[in-house]
Amino acid sequence: MRIIEYDAAAAVRYAKKWAHRRNPAYYNFDELGGDCTAFASQCLLAGSGVMNYTPTLGWYYISLRDRAPAWSGVEYFYNFLINNFKGVGNETGPFGAPITADKVGLGDFIQLGNAQGKFYHTLVVTGFRHGEPLVSSHTVDSFDRLLSSYDYYASRAIKIVGVRTY
C-alpha cells in the first residue's frame, strides 16, 4: 500500500461543475434527508480517486442500495475519514484529521452542528475571501458561499491528509 496526494484542485473543480445541479451517475439524496454529504463524497472522490469497499465501515458508492453509510451520512463521513487516518480497519481510501475551521484549505470539509451536539450539514471548502472560507454544498445548493452566511451553533473541520491505495 502507498500514500498518494489528495488532489484538492480536482475536488474544487468537481464542486464548481456540480454545485447547482446533480451528477446523474449518483442518486440524489434530497428526498432522503439531504444530498450534502453525498455531494461532499463526490467531491472527495474526484480528489482522491480511491474508495474503501469495506462493508459498513468503508466509504463507497455503487448504487443507492449498495453504498457505505459514510457516503451520505454526516457522522459516518466524519468517522470514516478520522478513523481511516488512525488506520482503523481497511485503510484504503482518503483519510483526514480533525482541525479547526480556521485551518482548512481547498478541498477540505466543514460540518455544521446544533446546540445539542448533532452535526447535520457537510460543506466542501472551495475558496477564500479575505481569509474566510467559501464553501459549496447540496441540499441548499451553493458554490463559494461565505461560511459566515450560515446559521449554526458549532462547526468542525476535516483536513484531507492523503489517500491510501495499492
N, C-alpha and C. Protein backbone atom coordinates (compact mmCIF):
# COMPACT_ATOMS: atom_id res chain seq x y z
N MET A 1 0.84 -1.18 0.00
CA MET A 1 0.00 0.00 0.00
C MET A 1 0.89 1.24 0.00
N ARG A 2 0.45 2.26 -0.69
CA ARG A 2 1.21 3.51 -0.74
C ARG A 2 0.26 4.68 -0.49
N ILE A 3 0.82 5.80 -0.13
CA ILE A 3 0.04 7.02 0.11
C ILE A 3 0.27 7.97 -1.06
N ILE A 4 -0.84 8.46 -1.62
CA ILE A 4 -0.76 9.44 -2.69
C ILE A 4 -1.36 10.76 -2.20
N GLU A 5 -1.03 11.81 -2.89
CA GLU A 5 -1.52 13.13 -2.53
C GLU A 5 -2.98 13.30 -2.94
N TYR A 6 -3.74 13.94 -2.10
CA TYR A 6 -5.12 14.32 -2.38
C TYR A 6 -5.10 15.49 -3.35
N ASP A 7 -5.86 15.41 -4.42
CA ASP A 7 -5.92 16.46 -5.43
C ASP A 7 -7.06 17.42 -5.11
N ALA A 8 -6.78 18.37 -4.23
CA ALA A 8 -7.80 19.33 -3.79
C ALA A 8 -8.36 20.14 -4.95
N ALA A 9 -7.52 20.46 -5.92
CA ALA A 9 -7.98 21.24 -7.08
C ALA A 9 -9.03 20.46 -7.86
N ALA A 10 -8.87 19.14 -7.98
CA ALA A 10 -9.86 18.32 -8.68
C ALA A 10 -11.18 18.29 -7.90
N ALA A 11 -11.10 18.25 -6.57
CA ALA A 11 -12.31 18.29 -5.75
C ALA A 11 -13.06 19.61 -5.95
N VAL A 12 -12.33 20.71 -6.00
CA VAL A 12 -12.94 22.03 -6.19
C VAL A 12 -13.52 22.15 -7.60
N ARG A 13 -12.82 21.63 -8.60
CA ARG A 13 -13.37 21.66 -9.97
C ARG A 13 -14.68 20.88 -10.04
N TYR A 14 -14.72 19.74 -9.37
CA TYR A 14 -15.95 18.94 -9.35
C TYR A 14 -17.07 19.75 -8.67
N ALA A 15 -16.77 20.36 -7.54
CA ALA A 15 -17.78 21.16 -6.83
C ALA A 15 -18.31 22.28 -7.72
N LYS A 16 -17.41 22.95 -8.42
CA LYS A 16 -17.83 24.04 -9.30
C LYS A 16 -18.77 23.54 -10.40
N LYS A 17 -18.44 22.39 -10.96
CA LYS A 17 -19.25 21.83 -12.05
C LYS A 17 -20.63 21.39 -11.58
N TRP A 18 -20.71 20.79 -10.37
CA TRP A 18 -21.95 20.14 -9.95
C TRP A 18 -22.66 20.81 -8.78
N ALA A 19 -22.20 21.94 -8.29
CA ALA A 19 -22.82 22.57 -7.12
C ALA A 19 -24.29 22.93 -7.33
N HIS A 20 -24.65 23.33 -8.53
CA HIS A 20 -26.02 23.77 -8.79
C HIS A 20 -26.81 22.80 -9.64
N ARG A 21 -26.32 21.58 -9.75
CA ARG A 21 -27.05 20.53 -10.45
C ARG A 21 -26.59 19.19 -9.92
N ARG A 22 -27.20 18.13 -10.41
CA ARG A 22 -26.90 16.79 -9.91
C ARG A 22 -26.22 15.96 -10.99
N ASN A 23 -25.17 15.25 -10.59
CA ASN A 23 -24.49 14.32 -11.49
C ASN A 23 -25.38 13.08 -11.60
N PRO A 24 -25.84 12.74 -12.81
CA PRO A 24 -26.75 11.60 -12.95
C PRO A 24 -26.12 10.24 -12.60
N ALA A 25 -24.82 10.19 -12.41
CA ALA A 25 -24.17 8.94 -12.01
C ALA A 25 -24.45 8.58 -10.55
N TYR A 26 -25.00 9.54 -9.78
CA TYR A 26 -25.23 9.33 -8.35
C TYR A 26 -26.69 9.63 -8.00
N TYR A 27 -27.19 8.92 -7.02
CA TYR A 27 -28.54 9.16 -6.52
C TYR A 27 -28.60 10.53 -5.85
N ASN A 28 -29.71 11.22 -6.00
CA ASN A 28 -29.95 12.50 -5.35
C ASN A 28 -30.64 12.23 -4.02
N PHE A 29 -29.96 12.47 -2.92
CA PHE A 29 -30.47 12.17 -1.59
C PHE A 29 -31.34 13.27 -0.99
N ASP A 30 -31.72 14.27 -1.77
CA ASP A 30 -32.52 15.37 -1.22
C ASP A 30 -33.79 14.88 -0.54
N GLU A 31 -34.44 13.86 -1.08
CA GLU A 31 -35.68 13.35 -0.50
C GLU A 31 -35.44 12.38 0.66
N LEU A 32 -34.19 12.05 0.92
CA LEU A 32 -33.85 11.12 2.00
C LEU A 32 -33.05 11.80 3.10
N GLY A 33 -33.30 13.07 3.33
CA GLY A 33 -32.63 13.79 4.41
C GLY A 33 -31.61 14.80 3.95
N GLY A 34 -31.29 14.83 2.66
CA GLY A 34 -30.37 15.82 2.14
C GLY A 34 -29.23 15.20 1.36
N ASP A 35 -28.72 15.96 0.40
CA ASP A 35 -27.69 15.49 -0.51
C ASP A 35 -26.30 16.06 -0.18
N CYS A 36 -26.19 16.78 0.94
CA CYS A 36 -24.94 17.50 1.21
C CYS A 36 -23.74 16.57 1.37
N THR A 37 -23.88 15.51 2.14
CA THR A 37 -22.73 14.64 2.37
C THR A 37 -22.44 13.78 1.15
N ALA A 38 -23.48 13.38 0.42
CA ALA A 38 -23.25 12.65 -0.83
C ALA A 38 -22.49 13.53 -1.83
N PHE A 39 -22.83 14.81 -1.89
CA PHE A 39 -22.10 15.74 -2.75
C PHE A 39 -20.66 15.90 -2.26
N ALA A 40 -20.47 16.02 -0.95
CA ALA A 40 -19.11 16.10 -0.39
C ALA A 40 -18.33 14.85 -0.75
N SER A 41 -18.97 13.69 -0.68
CA SER A 41 -18.30 12.44 -1.05
C SER A 41 -17.91 12.42 -2.52
N GLN A 42 -18.77 12.94 -3.37
CA GLN A 42 -18.43 13.01 -4.79
C GLN A 42 -17.21 13.90 -5.01
N CYS A 43 -17.17 15.03 -4.32
CA CYS A 43 -16.01 15.93 -4.41
C CYS A 43 -14.76 15.22 -3.89
N LEU A 44 -14.90 14.53 -2.77
CA LEU A 44 -13.77 13.80 -2.19
C LEU A 44 -13.27 12.72 -3.14
N LEU A 45 -14.19 12.02 -3.79
CA LEU A 45 -13.79 11.00 -4.76
C LEU A 45 -13.07 11.63 -5.95
N ALA A 46 -13.54 12.79 -6.40
CA ALA A 46 -12.87 13.48 -7.51
C ALA A 46 -11.43 13.82 -7.15
N GLY A 47 -11.17 14.12 -5.89
CA GLY A 47 -9.83 14.47 -5.45
C GLY A 47 -8.98 13.30 -4.99
N SER A 48 -9.62 12.16 -4.73
CA SER A 48 -8.86 11.02 -4.21
C SER A 48 -8.77 9.86 -5.20
N GLY A 49 -9.84 9.62 -5.92
CA GLY A 49 -9.85 8.53 -6.90
C GLY A 49 -9.89 7.14 -6.32
N VAL A 50 -10.01 7.02 -4.99
CA VAL A 50 -9.98 5.70 -4.35
C VAL A 50 -11.11 5.59 -3.34
N MET A 51 -11.92 4.54 -3.48
CA MET A 51 -12.95 4.25 -2.48
C MET A 51 -12.44 3.17 -1.54
N ASN A 52 -13.16 3.00 -0.45
CA ASN A 52 -12.88 1.93 0.50
C ASN A 52 -14.14 1.06 0.56
N TYR A 53 -14.04 -0.16 0.04
CA TYR A 53 -15.21 -1.04 -0.11
C TYR A 53 -15.46 -1.92 1.11
N THR A 54 -14.93 -1.57 2.25
CA THR A 54 -15.21 -2.33 3.47
C THR A 54 -16.69 -2.20 3.81
N PRO A 55 -17.40 -3.34 3.92
CA PRO A 55 -18.83 -3.26 4.27
C PRO A 55 -19.04 -2.51 5.57
N THR A 56 -20.05 -1.71 5.61
CA THR A 56 -20.49 -0.93 6.76
C THR A 56 -19.53 0.19 7.16
N LEU A 57 -18.26 -0.11 7.38
CA LEU A 57 -17.33 0.89 7.89
C LEU A 57 -16.52 1.60 6.82
N GLY A 58 -16.68 1.22 5.57
CA GLY A 58 -15.93 1.83 4.49
C GLY A 58 -16.56 3.11 3.99
N TRP A 59 -16.13 3.51 2.81
CA TRP A 59 -16.65 4.72 2.16
C TRP A 59 -16.68 4.43 0.66
N TYR A 60 -17.88 4.13 0.15
CA TYR A 60 -18.01 3.79 -1.27
C TYR A 60 -19.45 4.00 -1.73
N TYR A 61 -19.59 4.08 -3.04
CA TYR A 61 -20.91 4.19 -3.67
C TYR A 61 -20.89 3.37 -4.95
N ILE A 62 -21.80 2.43 -5.03
CA ILE A 62 -22.05 1.70 -6.27
C ILE A 62 -23.44 2.05 -6.77
N SER A 63 -24.40 2.09 -5.84
CA SER A 63 -25.78 2.46 -6.16
C SER A 63 -26.47 2.88 -4.86
N LEU A 64 -27.71 3.32 -4.97
CA LEU A 64 -28.47 3.69 -3.77
C LEU A 64 -28.49 2.55 -2.77
N ARG A 65 -28.66 1.35 -3.23
CA ARG A 65 -28.77 0.19 -2.35
C ARG A 65 -27.42 -0.46 -2.01
N ASP A 66 -26.38 -0.05 -2.68
CA ASP A 66 -25.06 -0.62 -2.44
C ASP A 66 -24.06 0.52 -2.23
N ARG A 67 -24.02 0.98 -0.98
CA ARG A 67 -23.15 2.09 -0.60
C ARG A 67 -22.86 1.98 0.89
N ALA A 68 -21.80 2.61 1.29
CA ALA A 68 -21.46 2.67 2.72
C ALA A 68 -22.23 3.82 3.36
N PRO A 69 -22.58 3.71 4.64
CA PRO A 69 -23.23 4.82 5.34
C PRO A 69 -22.41 6.12 5.27
N ALA A 70 -21.09 6.00 5.20
CA ALA A 70 -20.22 7.18 5.16
C ALA A 70 -20.38 7.98 3.87
N TRP A 71 -20.95 7.38 2.84
CA TRP A 71 -21.12 8.11 1.58
C TRP A 71 -22.10 9.27 1.74
N SER A 72 -23.16 9.07 2.52
CA SER A 72 -24.21 10.08 2.59
C SER A 72 -24.58 10.52 4.01
N GLY A 73 -23.98 9.94 5.02
CA GLY A 73 -24.30 10.30 6.40
C GLY A 73 -23.24 11.20 7.02
N VAL A 74 -23.66 12.30 7.59
CA VAL A 74 -22.74 13.30 8.14
C VAL A 74 -21.78 12.68 9.16
N GLU A 75 -22.31 12.03 10.18
CA GLU A 75 -21.45 11.45 11.23
C GLU A 75 -20.57 10.33 10.68
N TYR A 76 -21.14 9.50 9.82
CA TYR A 76 -20.39 8.38 9.25
C TYR A 76 -19.23 8.88 8.38
N PHE A 77 -19.48 9.94 7.61
CA PHE A 77 -18.45 10.55 6.77
C PHE A 77 -17.27 11.00 7.65
N TYR A 78 -17.59 11.74 8.69
CA TYR A 78 -16.57 12.23 9.62
C TYR A 78 -15.81 11.06 10.24
N ASN A 79 -16.55 10.09 10.78
CA ASN A 79 -15.91 8.96 11.45
C ASN A 79 -15.03 8.15 10.51
N PHE A 80 -15.49 7.94 9.27
CA PHE A 80 -14.65 7.19 8.33
C PHE A 80 -13.32 7.91 8.12
N LEU A 81 -13.38 9.20 7.80
CA LEU A 81 -12.15 9.93 7.49
C LEU A 81 -11.19 9.98 8.67
N ILE A 82 -11.73 10.21 9.86
CA ILE A 82 -10.87 10.31 11.05
C ILE A 82 -10.33 8.93 11.43
N ASN A 83 -11.18 7.91 11.40
CA ASN A 83 -10.72 6.56 11.74
C ASN A 83 -9.75 6.03 10.69
N ASN A 84 -9.96 6.38 9.42
CA ASN A 84 -9.04 5.94 8.38
C ASN A 84 -7.67 6.60 8.57
N PHE A 85 -7.65 7.80 9.09
CA PHE A 85 -6.38 8.47 9.42
C PHE A 85 -5.63 7.69 10.49
N LYS A 86 -6.38 7.18 11.46
CA LYS A 86 -5.79 6.41 12.56
C LYS A 86 -5.40 5.01 12.12
N GLY A 87 -5.87 4.60 10.94
CA GLY A 87 -5.54 3.26 10.46
C GLY A 87 -6.47 2.18 10.98
N VAL A 88 -7.70 2.55 11.38
CA VAL A 88 -8.67 1.59 11.89
C VAL A 88 -9.30 0.84 10.71
N GLY A 89 -9.29 -0.47 10.73
CA GLY A 89 -9.93 -1.26 9.69
C GLY A 89 -9.12 -1.26 8.40
N ASN A 90 -9.80 -1.48 7.30
CA ASN A 90 -9.17 -1.48 5.98
C ASN A 90 -8.77 -0.05 5.65
N GLU A 91 -7.54 0.19 5.41
CA GLU A 91 -7.02 1.55 5.34
C GLU A 91 -7.07 2.20 3.96
N THR A 92 -7.57 1.54 2.93
CA THR A 92 -7.58 2.19 1.61
C THR A 92 -8.51 3.40 1.62
N GLY A 93 -8.26 4.29 0.69
CA GLY A 93 -9.11 5.47 0.53
C GLY A 93 -8.54 6.70 1.20
N PRO A 94 -9.30 7.80 1.12
CA PRO A 94 -8.85 9.06 1.70
C PRO A 94 -8.87 9.00 3.23
N PHE A 95 -8.05 9.84 3.84
CA PHE A 95 -8.06 9.94 5.29
C PHE A 95 -7.83 11.39 5.69
N GLY A 96 -8.36 11.74 6.86
CA GLY A 96 -8.27 13.12 7.29
C GLY A 96 -8.05 13.25 8.78
N ALA A 97 -7.79 14.46 9.19
CA ALA A 97 -7.55 14.77 10.59
C ALA A 97 -8.48 15.91 11.01
N PRO A 98 -8.96 15.85 12.26
CA PRO A 98 -9.81 16.94 12.74
C PRO A 98 -8.98 18.21 12.95
N ILE A 99 -9.51 19.31 12.49
CA ILE A 99 -8.85 20.62 12.66
C ILE A 99 -9.93 21.66 12.95
N THR A 100 -9.51 22.85 13.27
CA THR A 100 -10.46 23.95 13.44
C THR A 100 -10.70 24.59 12.07
N ALA A 101 -11.85 25.23 11.93
CA ALA A 101 -12.26 25.79 10.64
C ALA A 101 -11.26 26.83 10.12
N ASP A 102 -10.52 27.49 11.00
CA ASP A 102 -9.56 28.49 10.56
C ASP A 102 -8.30 27.87 9.95
N LYS A 103 -8.19 26.55 9.97
CA LYS A 103 -7.02 25.86 9.42
C LYS A 103 -7.32 25.12 8.11
N VAL A 104 -8.54 25.24 7.60
CA VAL A 104 -8.91 24.49 6.40
C VAL A 104 -8.22 25.03 5.16
N GLY A 105 -8.11 24.15 4.19
CA GLY A 105 -7.60 24.51 2.87
C GLY A 105 -8.60 24.09 1.82
N LEU A 106 -8.29 24.38 0.58
CA LEU A 106 -9.16 23.98 -0.52
C LEU A 106 -9.36 22.46 -0.50
N GLY A 107 -10.61 22.04 -0.74
CA GLY A 107 -10.93 20.63 -0.80
C GLY A 107 -11.12 19.96 0.54
N ASP A 108 -10.93 20.70 1.63
CA ASP A 108 -11.22 20.16 2.95
C ASP A 108 -12.72 20.30 3.22
N PHE A 109 -13.16 19.83 4.39
CA PHE A 109 -14.59 19.79 4.69
C PHE A 109 -14.89 20.42 6.03
N ILE A 110 -16.04 21.11 6.10
CA ILE A 110 -16.54 21.69 7.34
C ILE A 110 -17.93 21.13 7.55
N GLN A 111 -18.20 20.72 8.79
CA GLN A 111 -19.53 20.24 9.14
C GLN A 111 -20.14 21.17 10.17
N LEU A 112 -21.45 21.43 10.02
CA LEU A 112 -22.17 22.33 10.91
C LEU A 112 -23.02 21.53 11.89
N GLY A 113 -23.11 22.04 13.12
CA GLY A 113 -23.86 21.33 14.15
C GLY A 113 -24.76 22.25 14.95
N ASN A 114 -25.65 21.63 15.72
CA ASN A 114 -26.58 22.39 16.55
C ASN A 114 -26.13 22.39 18.01
N ALA A 115 -26.92 23.03 18.86
CA ALA A 115 -26.57 23.18 20.27
C ALA A 115 -26.59 21.85 21.02
N GLN A 116 -27.28 20.86 20.48
CA GLN A 116 -27.36 19.55 21.12
C GLN A 116 -26.18 18.64 20.73
N GLY A 117 -25.26 19.15 19.93
CA GLY A 117 -24.10 18.38 19.54
C GLY A 117 -24.29 17.50 18.31
N LYS A 118 -25.41 17.68 17.62
CA LYS A 118 -25.67 16.90 16.40
C LYS A 118 -25.16 17.68 15.19
N PHE A 119 -24.31 17.03 14.41
CA PHE A 119 -23.82 17.64 13.18
C PHE A 119 -24.73 17.21 12.04
N TYR A 120 -25.14 18.18 11.21
CA TYR A 120 -26.21 17.94 10.25
C TYR A 120 -25.91 18.38 8.82
N HIS A 121 -24.79 19.01 8.57
CA HIS A 121 -24.53 19.54 7.23
C HIS A 121 -23.04 19.45 6.91
N THR A 122 -22.71 19.00 5.70
CA THR A 122 -21.32 18.89 5.26
C THR A 122 -21.08 19.84 4.09
N LEU A 123 -20.02 20.62 4.20
CA LEU A 123 -19.64 21.62 3.19
C LEU A 123 -18.23 21.32 2.71
N VAL A 124 -17.96 21.59 1.45
CA VAL A 124 -16.61 21.47 0.92
C VAL A 124 -16.04 22.88 0.76
N VAL A 125 -14.80 23.07 1.15
CA VAL A 125 -14.15 24.37 1.04
C VAL A 125 -13.68 24.54 -0.41
N THR A 126 -14.18 25.60 -1.06
CA THR A 126 -13.88 25.81 -2.48
C THR A 126 -13.19 27.15 -2.76
N GLY A 127 -12.92 27.91 -1.72
CA GLY A 127 -12.22 29.18 -1.93
C GLY A 127 -12.09 29.93 -0.61
N PHE A 128 -11.58 31.15 -0.73
CA PHE A 128 -11.42 32.03 0.43
C PHE A 128 -11.67 33.46 -0.01
N ARG A 129 -12.28 34.24 0.87
CA ARG A 129 -12.44 35.68 0.65
C ARG A 129 -12.00 36.38 1.93
N HIS A 130 -10.95 37.16 1.82
CA HIS A 130 -10.39 37.87 2.98
C HIS A 130 -10.11 36.91 4.13
N GLY A 131 -9.62 35.72 3.80
CA GLY A 131 -9.27 34.73 4.80
C GLY A 131 -10.41 33.85 5.28
N GLU A 132 -11.64 34.20 4.91
CA GLU A 132 -12.79 33.41 5.33
C GLU A 132 -13.09 32.32 4.30
N PRO A 133 -13.38 31.09 4.77
CA PRO A 133 -13.70 30.02 3.83
C PRO A 133 -14.96 30.30 3.02
N LEU A 134 -14.85 30.00 1.74
CA LEU A 134 -16.02 29.93 0.88
C LEU A 134 -16.33 28.45 0.72
N VAL A 135 -17.59 28.10 0.85
CA VAL A 135 -17.97 26.69 0.86
C VAL A 135 -19.03 26.42 -0.19
N SER A 136 -19.12 25.14 -0.56
CA SER A 136 -20.10 24.71 -1.55
C SER A 136 -20.81 23.48 -1.01
N SER A 137 -22.08 23.33 -1.41
CA SER A 137 -22.85 22.20 -0.89
C SER A 137 -24.08 21.93 -1.75
N HIS A 138 -24.69 20.81 -1.45
CA HIS A 138 -26.01 20.47 -1.97
C HIS A 138 -27.01 20.54 -0.82
N THR A 139 -28.22 20.21 -1.10
CA THR A 139 -29.42 20.33 -0.28
C THR A 139 -29.92 21.76 -0.43
N VAL A 140 -29.22 22.73 0.10
CA VAL A 140 -29.39 24.12 -0.31
C VAL A 140 -28.17 24.38 -1.19
N ASP A 141 -28.38 24.28 -2.49
CA ASP A 141 -27.25 24.31 -3.43
C ASP A 141 -26.51 25.64 -3.36
N SER A 142 -25.19 25.55 -3.28
CA SER A 142 -24.38 26.77 -3.24
C SER A 142 -22.98 26.47 -3.75
N PHE A 143 -22.36 27.51 -4.28
CA PHE A 143 -20.96 27.46 -4.67
C PHE A 143 -20.30 28.74 -4.20
N ASP A 144 -19.17 28.62 -3.51
CA ASP A 144 -18.41 29.75 -2.98
C ASP A 144 -19.27 30.67 -2.10
N ARG A 145 -20.03 30.07 -1.22
CA ARG A 145 -20.83 30.82 -0.25
C ARG A 145 -19.98 31.07 0.99
N LEU A 146 -20.05 32.26 1.55
CA LEU A 146 -19.31 32.57 2.77
C LEU A 146 -19.77 31.67 3.92
N LEU A 147 -18.84 31.08 4.62
CA LEU A 147 -19.19 30.25 5.76
C LEU A 147 -20.01 31.05 6.77
N SER A 148 -19.68 32.31 6.96
CA SER A 148 -20.38 33.15 7.94
C SER A 148 -21.83 33.42 7.57
N SER A 149 -22.24 33.09 6.35
CA SER A 149 -23.64 33.31 5.96
C SER A 149 -24.57 32.20 6.45
N TYR A 150 -23.99 31.13 7.00
CA TYR A 150 -24.78 30.04 7.57
C TYR A 150 -25.13 30.34 9.02
N ASP A 151 -26.28 29.87 9.46
CA ASP A 151 -26.70 29.98 10.85
C ASP A 151 -26.46 28.62 11.50
N TYR A 152 -25.49 28.53 12.40
CA TYR A 152 -25.15 27.27 13.04
C TYR A 152 -24.59 27.54 14.43
N TYR A 153 -24.61 26.51 15.26
CA TYR A 153 -24.13 26.64 16.63
C TYR A 153 -22.68 26.19 16.77
N ALA A 154 -22.34 25.12 16.06
CA ALA A 154 -20.99 24.54 16.18
C ALA A 154 -20.49 24.14 14.80
N SER A 155 -19.18 24.04 14.69
CA SER A 155 -18.59 23.54 13.45
C SER A 155 -17.38 22.68 13.79
N ARG A 156 -17.07 21.81 12.87
CA ARG A 156 -15.85 21.02 12.95
C ARG A 156 -15.34 20.87 11.53
N ALA A 157 -14.06 20.67 11.41
CA ALA A 157 -13.46 20.61 10.08
C ALA A 157 -12.57 19.39 9.96
N ILE A 158 -12.42 18.94 8.71
CA ILE A 158 -11.60 17.77 8.40
C ILE A 158 -10.58 18.17 7.33
N LYS A 159 -9.32 18.05 7.67
CA LYS A 159 -8.22 18.28 6.73
C LYS A 159 -7.94 16.94 6.05
N ILE A 160 -8.04 16.89 4.71
CA ILE A 160 -7.73 15.67 3.99
C ILE A 160 -6.21 15.58 3.88
N VAL A 161 -5.65 14.59 4.52
CA VAL A 161 -4.21 14.46 4.65
C VAL A 161 -3.61 13.69 3.47
N GLY A 162 -4.32 12.69 2.98
CA GLY A 162 -3.80 11.88 1.90
C GLY A 162 -4.77 10.77 1.53
N VAL A 163 -4.28 9.88 0.67
CA VAL A 163 -5.09 8.78 0.16
C VAL A 163 -4.22 7.53 0.14
N ARG A 164 -4.74 6.45 0.69
CA ARG A 164 -4.02 5.17 0.63
C ARG A 164 -4.57 4.35 -0.53
N THR A 165 -3.66 3.78 -1.31
CA THR A 165 -4.05 2.98 -2.45
C THR A 165 -3.03 1.85 -2.63
N TYR A 166 -3.40 0.90 -3.46
CA TYR A 166 -2.46 -0.20 -3.78
C TYR A 166 -1.71 0.11 -5.03
